[in-house]
């Protein structure tokens, strides 16, 4: 009997240790499971992702899982999901590592070409919390749409982000506040004359994160997605 109890205790301890290794920030709530969300980051590896160059590929920087967050060594690359996505709800948390952080969240991006312009990029900077939004401040749909307000926090503080892409509808909620709610085919967002308008960009592509310039890295965690029909 003692041996059975001991074995059960060891098994429970190992299971608990594995749960801790995954990180409490990178799981799914019971509600999210019922709604069909799946986790894209396990907190201990970059399984399900692959790095692609942004520049000449000579210094891509290393992407890694560290202390339960997804981050990188400074370089010039982006981390793309192994699977492409079309219509989905994406939820995640991020924080800027410093006031000079320069990163971004790529959406529906192609594996070749610059992901900001083949698909879309939600800009992420470390030093513009509270500033008047523009086409290049944090959480702008860079080059095309400024956020309604600066809802993001400063360096070192975690932000929650929810992105809904459903056909041509694009909605972004940051820290509980809706900052984008637009139609990607609206000509009002064809303001970037150097790149294809949103209406002409790929309709299905990869989710990704940007490693850009030799600056303080951003960190990401709790990345999960629900594919829409």
C-alpha atoms as a PDB file:
ATOM      1  CA  UNK A   1       0.000   0.000   0.000  1.00  0.00           C
ATOM      2  CA  UNK A   2       2.790   2.383   0.912  1.00  0.00           C
ATOM      3  CA  UNK A   3       4.480   1.699  -2.414  1.00  0.00           C
ATOM      4  CA  UNK A   4       1.270   2.466  -4.309  1.00  0.00           C
ATOM      5  CA  UNK A   5       0.763   5.748  -2.474  1.00  0.00           C
ATOM      6  CA  UNK A   6       4.413   6.673  -3.040  1.00  0.00           C
ATOM      7  CA  UNK A   7       4.149   5.914  -6.758  1.00  0.00           C
ATOM      8  CA  UNK A   8       0.995   8.014  -7.046  1.00  0.00           C
ATOM      9  CA  UNK A   9       2.694  10.922  -5.249  1.00  0.00           C
ATOM     10  CA  UNK A  10       5.709  10.719  -7.566  1.00  0.00           C
ATOM     11  CA  UNK A  11       3.460  10.654 -10.638  1.00  0.00           C
ATOM     12  CA  UNK A  12       1.492  13.669  -9.399  1.00  0.00           C
ATOM     13  CA  UNK A  13       4.707  15.552  -8.624  1.00  0.00           C
ATOM     14  CA  UNK A  14       6.070  14.886 -12.123  1.00  0.00           C
ATOM     15  CA  UNK A  15       2.825  16.069 -13.706  1.00  0.00           C
ATOM     16  CA  UNK A  16       2.861  19.219 -11.595  1.00  0.00           C
ATOM     17  CA  UNK A  17       6.499  19.871 -12.533  1.00  0.00           C
ATOM     18  CA  UNK A  18       5.635  19.542 -16.220  1.00  0.00           C
ATOM     19  CA  UNK A  19       2.775  22.004 -15.782  1.00  0.00           C
ATOM     20  CA  UNK A  20       5.063  24.500 -14.124  1.00  0.00           C
ATOM     21  CA  UNK A  21       7.616  24.092 -16.901  1.00  0.00           C
ATOM     22  CA  UNK A  22       4.980  25.023 -19.449  1.00  0.00           C
ATOM     23  CA  UNK A  23       4.276  28.210 -17.528  1.00  0.00           C
ATOM     24  CA  UNK A  24       0.928  29.318 -16.103  1.00  0.00           C
ATOM     25  CA  UNK A  25       0.790  32.260 -18.507  1.00  0.00           C
ATOM     26  CA  UNK A  26       0.762  30.045 -21.605  1.00  0.00           C
ATOM     27  CA  UNK A  27      -2.267  27.846 -21.073  1.00  0.00           C
ATOM     28  CA  UNK A  28      -5.903  28.102 -22.064  1.00  0.00           C
ATOM     29  CA  UNK A  29      -8.869  28.865 -19.858  1.00  0.00           C
ATOM     30  CA  UNK A  30     -11.745  26.412 -19.754  1.00  0.00           C
ATOM     31  CA  UNK A  31     -13.864  28.939 -21.636  1.00  0.00           C
ATOM     32  CA  UNK A  32     -11.254  29.300 -24.375  1.00  0.00           C
ATOM     33  CA  UNK A  33     -11.082  25.538 -24.789  1.00  0.00           C
ATOM     34  CA  UNK A  34     -14.850  25.356 -25.173  1.00  0.00           C
ATOM     35  CA  UNK A  35     -14.733  28.196 -27.710  1.00  0.00           C
ATOM     36  CA  UNK A  36     -12.145  26.397 -29.831  1.00  0.00           C
ATOM     37  CA  UNK A  37      -8.942  28.290 -29.029  1.00  0.00           C
ATOM     38  CA  UNK A  38      -5.590  26.511 -29.228  1.00  0.00           C
ATOM     39  CA  UNK A  39      -2.250  27.590 -27.811  1.00  0.00           C
ATOM     40  CA  UNK A  40       0.506  28.629 -30.246  1.00  0.00           C
ATOM     41  CA  UNK A  41       3.293  28.893 -27.659  1.00  0.00           C
ATOM     42  CA  UNK A  42       4.108  26.313 -24.998  1.00  0.00           C
ATOM     43  CA  UNK A  43       6.353  28.584 -22.906  1.00  0.00           C
ATOM     44  CA  UNK A  44       9.432  26.359 -23.206  1.00  0.00           C
ATOM     45  CA  UNK A  45      10.235  26.134 -26.933  1.00  0.00           C
ATOM     46  CA  UNK A  46       9.532  27.705 -30.320  1.00  0.00           C
ATOM     47  CA  UNK A  47       7.847  24.543 -31.579  1.00  0.00           C
ATOM     48  CA  UNK A  48       5.317  25.493 -34.253  1.00  0.00           C
ATOM     49  CA  UNK A  49       7.359  28.496 -35.421  1.00  0.00           C
ATOM     50  CA  UNK A  50      10.297  29.145 -37.745  1.00  0.00           C
ATOM     51  CA  UNK A  51      12.595  32.133 -38.261  1.00  0.00           C
ATOM     52  CA  UNK A  52      12.828  33.955 -41.596  1.00  0.00           C
ATOM     53  CA  UNK A  53      15.205  36.784 -42.599  1.00  0.00           C
ATOM     54  CA  UNK A  54      14.043  40.374 -42.917  1.00  0.00           C
ATOM     55  CA  UNK A  55      17.249  41.755 -44.411  1.00  0.00           C
ATOM     56  CA  UNK A  56      20.210  39.996 -45.969  1.00  0.00           C
ATOM     57  CA  UNK A  57      20.044  37.153 -43.470  1.00  0.00           C
ATOM     58  CA  UNK A  58      23.543  37.700 -42.118  1.00  0.00           C
ATOM     59  CA  UNK A  59      22.426  38.568 -38.566  1.00  0.00           C
ATOM     60  CA  UNK A  60      18.978  37.168 -37.940  1.00  0.00           C
ATOM     61  CA  UNK A  61      19.321  36.972 -34.156  1.00  0.00           C
ATOM     62  CA  UNK A  62      18.196  33.926 -32.204  1.00  0.00           C
ATOM     63  CA  UNK A  63      14.579  33.375 -31.270  1.00  0.00           C
ATOM     64  CA  UNK A  64      13.972  31.545 -28.000  1.00  0.00           C
ATOM     65  CA  UNK A  65      11.632  30.700 -25.160  1.00  0.00           C
ATOM     66  CA  UNK A  66      13.008  32.122 -21.926  1.00  0.00           C
ATOM     67  CA  UNK A  67      11.339  32.176 -18.526  1.00  0.00           C
ATOM     68  CA  UNK A  68       7.973  31.432 -20.090  1.00  0.00           C
ATOM     69  CA  UNK A  69       8.104  34.181 -22.725  1.00  0.00           C
ATOM     70  CA  UNK A  70       8.898  34.266 -26.426  1.00  0.00           C
ATOM     71  CA  UNK A  71      11.772  36.637 -27.161  1.00  0.00           C
ATOM     72  CA  UNK A  72      14.917  37.040 -29.250  1.00  0.00           C
ATOM     73  CA  UNK A  73      18.486  38.236 -29.468  1.00  0.00           C
ATOM     74  CA  UNK A  74      18.750  41.486 -31.478  1.00  0.00           C
ATOM     75  CA  UNK A  75      19.019  40.976 -35.215  1.00  0.00           C
ATOM     76  CA  UNK A  76      16.889  41.326 -38.323  1.00  0.00           C
ATOM     77  CA  UNK A  77      14.343  38.541 -38.751  1.00  0.00           C
ATOM     78  CA  UNK A  78      10.806  37.485 -38.073  1.00  0.00           C
ATOM     79  CA  UNK A  79       9.351  34.416 -36.430  1.00  0.00           C
ATOM     80  CA  UNK A  80       6.573  32.944 -38.559  1.00  0.00           C
ATOM     81  CA  UNK A  81       3.937  30.404 -37.576  1.00  0.00           C
ATOM     82  CA  UNK A  82       4.382  27.042 -39.248  1.00  0.00           C
ATOM     83  CA  UNK A  83       0.742  27.149 -40.348  1.00  0.00           C
ATOM     84  CA  UNK A  84      -0.935  29.854 -42.459  1.00  0.00           C
ATOM     85  CA  UNK A  85      -4.185  31.401 -41.263  1.00  0.00           C
ATOM     86  CA  UNK A  86      -7.025  33.185 -43.019  1.00  0.00           C
ATOM     87  CA  UNK A  87      -9.849  34.122 -40.641  1.00  0.00           C
ATOM     88  CA  UNK A  88      -9.171  33.955 -36.916  1.00  0.00           C
ATOM     89  CA  UNK A  89      -9.186  35.510 -33.473  1.00  0.00           C
ATOM     90  CA  UNK A  90      -5.649  35.931 -32.117  1.00  0.00           C
ATOM     91  CA  UNK A  91      -5.000  36.683 -28.439  1.00  0.00           C
ATOM     92  CA  UNK A  92      -1.646  37.392 -26.847  1.00  0.00           C
ATOM     93  CA  UNK A  93       0.246  39.484 -24.342  1.00  0.00           C
ATOM     94  CA  UNK A  94       3.349  41.538 -25.033  1.00  0.00           C
ATOM     95  CA  UNK A  95       5.669  43.957 -23.317  1.00  0.00           C
ATOM     96  CA  UNK A  96       8.415  46.216 -24.632  1.00  0.00           C
ATOM     97  CA  UNK A  97      11.847  45.630 -23.137  1.00  0.00           C
ATOM     98  CA  UNK A  98      12.842  49.295 -23.206  1.00  0.00           C
ATOM     99  CA  UNK A  99      12.006  52.718 -24.641  1.00  0.00           C
ATOM    100  CA  UNK A 100      13.853  51.888 -27.887  1.00  0.00           C
ATOM    101  CA  UNK A 101      12.073  48.573 -28.541  1.00  0.00           C
ATOM    102  CA  UNK A 102      10.981  48.207 -32.175  1.00  0.00           C
ATOM    103  CA  UNK A 103       8.973  45.077 -32.966  1.00  0.00           C
ATOM    104  CA  UNK A 104       5.640  44.169 -34.486  1.00  0.00           C
ATOM    105  CA  UNK A 105       2.917  41.564 -34.940  1.00  0.00           C
ATOM    106  CA  UNK A 106       2.560  40.287 -38.503  1.00  0.00           C
ATOM    107  CA  UNK A 107      -0.807  39.109 -39.804  1.00  0.00           C
ATOM    108  CA  UNK A 108      -1.622  37.178 -42.994  1.00  0.00           C
ATOM    109  CA  UNK A 109       1.954  37.690 -44.206  1.00  0.00           C
ATOM    110  CA  UNK A 110       3.603  35.823 -47.079  1.00  0.00           C
ATOM    111  CA  UNK A 111       6.843  33.868 -46.493  1.00  0.00           C
ATOM    112  CA  UNK A 112       8.662  35.926 -49.126  1.00  0.00           C
ATOM    113  CA  UNK A 113       8.753  39.692 -49.436  1.00  0.00           C
ATOM    114  CA  UNK A 114       8.578  42.046 -46.484  1.00  0.00           C
ATOM    115  CA  UNK A 115       5.831  40.784 -44.143  1.00  0.00           C
ATOM    116  CA  UNK A 116       4.596  44.283 -43.238  1.00  0.00           C
ATOM    117  CA  UNK A 117       3.562  44.835 -46.851  1.00  0.00           C
ATOM    118  CA  UNK A 118       2.653  41.375 -48.149  1.00  0.00           C
ATOM    119  CA  UNK A 119       0.281  41.079 -45.208  1.00  0.00           C
ATOM    120  CA  UNK A 120      -0.113  43.543 -42.343  1.00  0.00           C
ATOM    121  CA  UNK A 121       1.828  44.652 -39.279  1.00  0.00           C
ATOM    122  CA  UNK A 122       0.638  45.943 -35.942  1.00  0.00           C
ATOM    123  CA  UNK A 123       3.524  48.178 -34.918  1.00  0.00           C
ATOM    124  CA  UNK A 124       5.083  47.776 -31.468  1.00  0.00           C
ATOM    125  CA  UNK A 125       7.399  50.393 -29.987  1.00  0.00           C
ATOM    126  CA  UNK A 126       8.643  50.973 -26.499  1.00  0.00           C
ATOM    127  CA  UNK A 127       8.692  54.737 -26.128  1.00  0.00           C
ATOM    128  CA  UNK A 128       5.363  56.116 -27.322  1.00  0.00           C
ATOM    129  CA  UNK A 129       2.831  55.215 -24.626  1.00  0.00           C
ATOM    130  CA  UNK A 130       0.332  58.052 -24.221  1.00  0.00           C
ATOM    131  CA  UNK A 131       1.400  59.856 -27.379  1.00  0.00           C
ATOM    132  CA  UNK A 132      -0.959  60.992 -30.117  1.00  0.00           C
ATOM    133  CA  UNK A 133      -1.507  58.021 -32.444  1.00  0.00           C
ATOM    134  CA  UNK A 134      -0.118  58.138 -35.994  1.00  0.00           C
ATOM    135  CA  UNK A 135       0.361  55.694 -38.867  1.00  0.00           C
ATOM    136  CA  UNK A 136       3.621  54.533 -37.266  1.00  0.00           C
ATOM    137  CA  UNK A 137       3.016  54.548 -33.496  1.00  0.00           C
ATOM    138  CA  UNK A 138       2.417  51.416 -31.455  1.00  0.00           C
ATOM    139  CA  UNK A 139      -0.595  49.355 -32.467  1.00  0.00           C
ATOM    140  CA  UNK A 140      -1.004  51.245 -35.743  1.00  0.00           C
ATOM    141  CA  UNK A 141      -1.707  49.122 -38.778  1.00  0.00           C
ATOM    142  CA  UNK A 142       1.553  50.493 -40.004  1.00  0.00           C
ATOM    143  CA  UNK A 143       1.349  52.831 -42.968  1.00  0.00           C
ATOM    144  CA  UNK A 144      -2.417  52.415 -43.306  1.00  0.00           C
ATOM    145  CA  UNK A 145      -4.452  53.071 -40.143  1.00  0.00           C
ATOM    146  CA  UNK A 146      -3.697  54.855 -36.881  1.00  0.00           C
ATOM    147  CA  UNK A 147      -5.276  53.445 -33.717  1.00  0.00           C
ATOM    148  CA  UNK A 148      -8.232  55.350 -32.287  1.00  0.00           C
ATOM    149  CA  UNK A 149      -6.240  55.987 -29.129  1.00  0.00           C
ATOM    150  CA  UNK A 150      -2.969  55.023 -27.441  1.00  0.00           C
ATOM    151  CA  UNK A 151      -4.247  52.207 -25.228  1.00  0.00           C
ATOM    152  CA  UNK A 152      -0.892  50.466 -24.782  1.00  0.00           C
ATOM    153  CA  UNK A 153       1.374  50.718 -21.733  1.00  0.00           C
ATOM    154  CA  UNK A 154       5.038  51.654 -21.394  1.00  0.00           C
ATOM    155  CA  UNK A 155       8.155  49.463 -21.267  1.00  0.00           C
ATOM    156  CA  UNK A 156       8.120  46.606 -18.785  1.00  0.00           C
ATOM    157  CA  UNK A 157       4.317  46.462 -18.535  1.00  0.00           C
ATOM    158  CA  UNK A 158       2.269  43.656 -20.050  1.00  0.00           C
ATOM    159  CA  UNK A 159      -0.387  44.487 -22.640  1.00  0.00           C
ATOM    160  CA  UNK A 160      -3.263  42.275 -23.772  1.00  0.00           C
ATOM    161  CA  UNK A 161      -4.084  42.205 -27.483  1.00  0.00           C
ATOM    162  CA  UNK A 162      -6.983  40.598 -29.330  1.00  0.00           C
ATOM    163  CA  UNK A 163      -7.037  40.671 -33.129  1.00  0.00           C
ATOM    164  CA  UNK A 164     -10.044  39.535 -35.146  1.00  0.00           C
ATOM    165  CA  UNK A 165      -9.627  39.030 -38.879  1.00  0.00           C
ATOM    166  CA  UNK A 166     -12.873  37.798 -40.416  1.00  0.00           C
ATOM    167  CA  UNK A 167     -13.016  38.121 -44.189  1.00  0.00           C
ATOM    168  CA  UNK A 168     -12.482  41.884 -44.660  1.00  0.00           C
ATOM    169  CA  UNK A 169     -13.295  42.922 -41.092  1.00  0.00           C
ATOM    170  CA  UNK A 170     -10.346  43.890 -38.887  1.00  0.00           C
ATOM    171  CA  UNK A 171     -10.826  44.526 -35.157  1.00  0.00           C
ATOM    172  CA  UNK A 172      -8.125  45.084 -32.547  1.00  0.00           C
ATOM    173  CA  UNK A 173      -8.694  45.377 -28.796  1.00  0.00           C
ATOM    174  CA  UNK A 174      -5.766  46.458 -26.606  1.00  0.00           C
ATOM    175  CA  UNK A 175      -6.059  46.339 -22.829  1.00  0.00           C
ATOM    176  CA  UNK A 176      -9.838  46.114 -23.145  1.00  0.00           C
ATOM    177  CA  UNK A 177     -10.238  49.065 -25.532  1.00  0.00           C
ATOM    178  CA  UNK A 178     -11.175  48.804 -29.210  1.00  0.00           C
ATOM    179  CA  UNK A 179      -8.529  50.679 -31.194  1.00  0.00           C
ATOM    180  CA  UNK A 180      -9.338  49.400 -34.715  1.00  0.00           C
ATOM    181  CA  UNK A 181     -12.638  48.395 -36.295  1.00  0.00           C
ATOM    182  CA  UNK A 182     -12.403  48.716 -40.039  1.00  0.00           C
ATOM    183  CA  UNK A 183     -13.065  47.220 -43.442  1.00  0.00           C
ATOM    184  CA  UNK A 184      -9.815  46.324 -45.177  1.00  0.00           C
ATOM    185  CA  UNK A 185     -11.361  47.142 -48.559  1.00  0.00           C
ATOM    186  CA  UNK A 186     -12.247  50.699 -47.526  1.00  0.00           C
ATOM    187  CA  UNK A 187     -10.304  53.089 -49.822  1.00  0.00           C
ATOM    188  CA  UNK A 188      -9.743  55.338 -46.806  1.00  0.00           C
ATOM    189  CA  UNK A 189      -6.970  52.935 -45.794  1.00  0.00           C
ATOM    190  CA  UNK A 190      -5.194  53.000 -49.166  1.00  0.00           C
ATOM    191  CA  UNK A 191      -3.046  55.914 -47.990  1.00  0.00           C
ATOM    192  CA  UNK A 192       0.346  54.214 -48.257  1.00  0.00           C
ATOM    193  CA  UNK A 193       1.377  55.049 -51.826  1.00  0.00           C
ATOM    194  CA  UNK A 194       4.664  53.120 -51.583  1.00  0.00           C
ATOM    195  CA  UNK A 195       3.034  49.757 -50.945  1.00  0.00           C
ATOM    196  CA  UNK A 196      -0.014  47.812 -52.050  1.00  0.00           C
ATOM    197  CA  UNK A 197      -3.267  48.948 -50.411  1.00  0.00           C
ATOM    198  CA  UNK A 198      -4.814  46.643 -47.821  1.00  0.00           C
ATOM    199  CA  UNK A 199      -7.458  45.553 -50.334  1.00  0.00           C
ATOM    200  CA  UNK A 200      -4.756  44.055 -52.590  1.00  0.00           C
ATOM    201  CA  UNK A 201      -2.687  42.193 -50.005  1.00  0.00           C
ATOM    202  CA  UNK A 202      -2.746  38.444 -49.496  1.00  0.00           C
ATOM    203  CA  UNK A 203      -5.902  37.108 -47.873  1.00  0.00           C
ATOM    204  CA  UNK A 204      -4.237  34.190 -46.113  1.00  0.00           C
ATOM    205  CA  UNK A 205      -0.775  34.003 -44.593  1.00  0.00           C
ATOM    206  CA  UNK A 206       1.382  33.576 -41.542  1.00  0.00           C
ATOM    207  CA  UNK A 207       1.238  35.118 -38.098  1.00  0.00           C
ATOM    208  CA  UNK A 208       4.598  36.383 -36.911  1.00  0.00           C
ATOM    209  CA  UNK A 209       6.703  38.628 -34.706  1.00  0.00           C
ATOM    210  CA  UNK A 210       9.415  41.081 -35.725  1.00  0.00           C
ATOM    211  CA  UNK A 211      13.028  41.201 -34.563  1.00  0.00           C
ATOM    212  CA  UNK A 212      14.186  44.551 -35.859  1.00  0.00           C
ATOM    213  CA  UNK A 213      17.343  46.562 -35.168  1.00  0.00           C
ATOM    214  CA  UNK A 214      19.854  46.328 -32.323  1.00  0.00           C
ATOM    215  CA  UNK A 215      17.463  47.505 -29.615  1.00  0.00           C
ATOM    216  CA  UNK A 216      15.782  46.147 -26.484  1.00  0.00           C
ATOM    217  CA  UNK A 217      13.757  43.046 -27.433  1.00  0.00           C
ATOM    218  CA  UNK A 218      10.031  42.685 -26.995  1.00  0.00           C
ATOM    219  CA  UNK A 219       8.544  39.715 -25.153  1.00  0.00           C
ATOM    220  CA  UNK A 220       5.411  37.735 -25.978  1.00  0.00           C
ATOM    221  CA  UNK A 221       3.401  35.159 -24.075  1.00  0.00           C
ATOM    222  CA  UNK A 222      -0.022  33.529 -23.825  1.00  0.00           C
ATOM    223  CA  UNK A 223      -0.366  33.313 -27.616  1.00  0.00           C
ATOM    224  CA  UNK A 224      -3.529  31.528 -28.656  1.00  0.00           C
ATOM    225  CA  UNK A 225      -5.769  31.415 -31.687  1.00  0.00           C
ATOM    226  CA  UNK A 226      -9.264  30.438 -32.729  1.00  0.00           C
ATOM    227  CA  UNK A 227      -9.757  29.674 -36.408  1.00  0.00           C
ATOM    228  CA  UNK A 228     -13.012  31.072 -37.790  1.00  0.00           C
ATOM    229  CA  UNK A 229     -15.136  29.213 -40.361  1.00  0.00           C
END
